[in-house]
């Protein structure tokens, strides 16, 4: 935090630090959101509810393609990572405006399983 005594600075410092989001990430995501707006309508997920599983699957497909060495989506030409952000952004916004259909399966044990694997890895490293 800055040591400014300016009242506006002090008030601003107590608000969401949006300046911490990399502008390049916002710009890349906006390209995907524009494509979606042209194809489906801007903010379509606020007008009609959306399934969580659809956006989760889409994000995983893009993330998998990126991790497998493909930087840009072959259909849009835009970064797979920007597509992941767009899908996550829609999930977050749809949930906040009560338009998300939470069709996730019943809670599982993934966190417990991850902790078990991490413990095993630690033991093997020691």
Foldseek 3Di string as FASTA:
>chain_A
DDPDPPPVVVVVVVDDPPVPPDPVLVVLLVLVQVVCCVVPNHPVCLVAADELVVLVVLLVVLVVCVVVPDQADPVSRGGSVSSNVNSVVSVVVSVVSVRYDHPDDPDDCVVVVVVVVVVVVVVVVD
